Amino acid sequence: MAVTANLDALLDEPFRSLDLRELVAAPVSALSGVSEEEAQGLALAFGINTIGDLAENQFIRAAVAINALAKVTDPPA
């Protein structure tokens, strides 16, 4: 079964027609709201150049996991 999703709100105009495999290789600046300067900062600080790099970054994955766990963890008694 094919799955479709409209990602237009998440992407800058030139990248909206790309398929998911192409988006993984697209620059981080393809994401709506990420400027070229911010993308350069991510590249310098973390070696993140593509959307795929961003998704696989160990620090980002750790932050997402911590955030998710914090939402389901009981508060201390």
C-alpha atoms as a PDB file:
ATOM      1  CA  MET A   1       0.000   0.000   0.000  1.00  0.00           C
ATOM      2  CA  ALA A   2       1.371   3.391  -0.971  1.00  0.00           C
ATOM      3  CA  VAL A   3       1.558   6.057   1.698  1.00  0.00           C
ATOM      4  CA  THR A   4       1.474   9.732   0.833  1.00  0.00           C
ATOM      5  CA  ALA A   5       2.118  12.796   2.937  1.00  0.00           C
ATOM      6  CA  ASN A   6       2.104  16.468   2.088  1.00  0.00           C
ATOM      7  CA  LEU A   7       5.412  17.878   3.331  1.00  0.00           C
ATOM      8  CA  ASP A   8       5.056  21.300   1.677  1.00  0.00           C
ATOM      9  CA  ALA A   9       4.870  23.155   5.003  1.00  0.00           C
ATOM     10  CA  LEU A  10       8.150  21.551   6.092  1.00  0.00           C
ATOM     11  CA  LEU A  11      10.162  22.274   2.953  1.00  0.00           C
ATOM     12  CA  ASP A  12      11.322  25.263   0.955  1.00  0.00           C
ATOM     13  CA  GLU A  13       9.703  25.558  -2.467  1.00  0.00           C
ATOM     14  CA  PRO A  14      12.507  24.099  -4.629  1.00  0.00           C
ATOM     15  CA  PHE A  15      12.500  20.853  -2.627  1.00  0.00           C
ATOM     16  CA  ARG A  16       8.762  20.153  -2.473  1.00  0.00           C
ATOM     17  CA  SER A  17       8.723  17.963  -5.580  1.00  0.00           C
ATOM     18  CA  LEU A  18      11.510  15.630  -4.427  1.00  0.00           C
ATOM     19  CA  ASP A  19      10.758  12.108  -3.291  1.00  0.00           C
ATOM     20  CA  LEU A  20      11.758  10.958   0.186  1.00  0.00           C
ATOM     21  CA  ARG A  21      15.010   9.341  -0.934  1.00  0.00           C
ATOM     22  CA  GLU A  22      16.054  12.598  -2.577  1.00  0.00           C
ATOM     23  CA  LEU A  23      15.019  14.597   0.501  1.00  0.00           C
ATOM     24  CA  VAL A  24      17.318  12.536   2.714  1.00  0.00           C
ATOM     25  CA  ALA A  25      20.222  13.749   0.571  1.00  0.00           C
ATOM     26  CA  ALA A  26      18.955  17.339   0.376  1.00  0.00           C
ATOM     27  CA  PRO A  27      20.753  20.072   2.321  1.00  0.00           C
ATOM     28  CA  VAL A  28      19.474  20.914   5.788  1.00  0.00           C
ATOM     29  CA  SER A  29      18.584  24.354   4.443  1.00  0.00           C
ATOM     30  CA  ALA A  30      15.830  22.644   2.404  1.00  0.00           C
ATOM     31  CA  LEU A  31      13.844  22.522   5.639  1.00  0.00           C
ATOM     32  CA  SER A  32      11.546  25.496   5.988  1.00  0.00           C
ATOM     33  CA  GLY A  33      12.940  27.894   8.566  1.00  0.00           C
ATOM     34  CA  VAL A  34      16.565  26.719   8.367  1.00  0.00           C
ATOM     35  CA  SER A  35      18.715  29.432   6.807  1.00  0.00           C
ATOM     36  CA  GLU A  36      21.958  28.887   4.907  1.00  0.00           C
ATOM     37  CA  GLU A  37      23.839  30.389   7.857  1.00  0.00           C
ATOM     38  CA  GLU A  38      22.158  28.038  10.325  1.00  0.00           C
ATOM     39  CA  ALA A  39      22.909  25.099   8.025  1.00  0.00           C
ATOM     40  CA  GLN A  40      26.565  26.157   7.942  1.00  0.00           C
ATOM     41  CA  GLY A  41      26.560  26.255  11.738  1.00  0.00           C
ATOM     42  CA  LEU A  42      25.200  22.711  11.914  1.00  0.00           C
ATOM     43  CA  ALA A  43      27.864  21.591   9.452  1.00  0.00           C
ATOM     44  CA  LEU A  44      30.652  23.199  11.452  1.00  0.00           C
ATOM     45  CA  ALA A  45      29.433  22.125  14.873  1.00  0.00           C
ATOM     46  CA  PHE A  46      28.160  18.623  14.156  1.00  0.00           C
ATOM     47  CA  GLY A  47      29.088  17.647  10.603  1.00  0.00           C
ATOM     48  CA  ILE A  48      25.419  17.830   9.597  1.00  0.00           C
ATOM     49  CA  ASN A  49      25.067  18.621   5.901  1.00  0.00           C
ATOM     50  CA  THR A  50      21.914  16.825   4.787  1.00  0.00           C
ATOM     51  CA  ILE A  51      18.458  16.092   6.151  1.00  0.00           C
ATOM     52  CA  GLY A  52      19.626  12.499   6.569  1.00  0.00           C
ATOM     53  CA  ASP A  53      22.643  13.623   8.598  1.00  0.00           C
ATOM     54  CA  LEU A  54      20.321  15.645  10.831  1.00  0.00           C
ATOM     55  CA  ALA A  55      18.011  12.665  11.368  1.00  0.00           C
ATOM     56  CA  GLU A  56      20.872  10.336  12.234  1.00  0.00           C
ATOM     57  CA  ASN A  57      22.876  12.701  14.428  1.00  0.00           C
ATOM     58  CA  GLN A  58      23.598  11.063  17.783  1.00  0.00           C
ATOM     59  CA  PHE A  59      22.997  14.249  19.757  1.00  0.00           C
ATOM     60  CA  ILE A  60      19.666  14.955  18.118  1.00  0.00           C
ATOM     61  CA  ARG A  61      18.551  11.344  18.542  1.00  0.00           C
ATOM     62  CA  ALA A  62      19.537  11.466  22.227  1.00  0.00           C
ATOM     63  CA  ALA A  63      17.639  14.745  22.735  1.00  0.00           C
ATOM     64  CA  VAL A  64      14.521  13.333  21.056  1.00  0.00           C
ATOM     65  CA  ALA A  65      14.716  10.184  23.200  1.00  0.00           C
ATOM     66  CA  ILE A  66      15.178  12.148  26.423  1.00  0.00           C
ATOM     67  CA  ASN A  67      12.265  14.399  25.548  1.00  0.00           C
ATOM     68  CA  ALA A  68       9.991  11.447  24.751  1.00  0.00           C
ATOM     69  CA  LEU A  69      10.964   9.598  27.921  1.00  0.00           C
ATOM     70  CA  ALA A  70      10.418  12.690  30.062  1.00  0.00           C
ATOM     71  CA  LYS A  71       6.838  12.880  28.777  1.00  0.00           C
ATOM     72  CA  VAL A  72       6.005   9.354  29.899  1.00  0.00           C
ATOM     73  CA  THR A  73       8.027   9.141  33.105  1.00  0.00           C
ATOM     74  CA  ASP A  74       6.211   9.489  36.388  1.00  0.00           C
ATOM     75  CA  PRO A  75       7.227  12.599  38.310  1.00  0.00           C
ATOM     76  CA  PRO A  76       9.404  11.939  41.372  1.00  0.00           C
ATOM     77  CA  ALA A  77       7.435  11.199  44.526  1.00  0.00           C
END
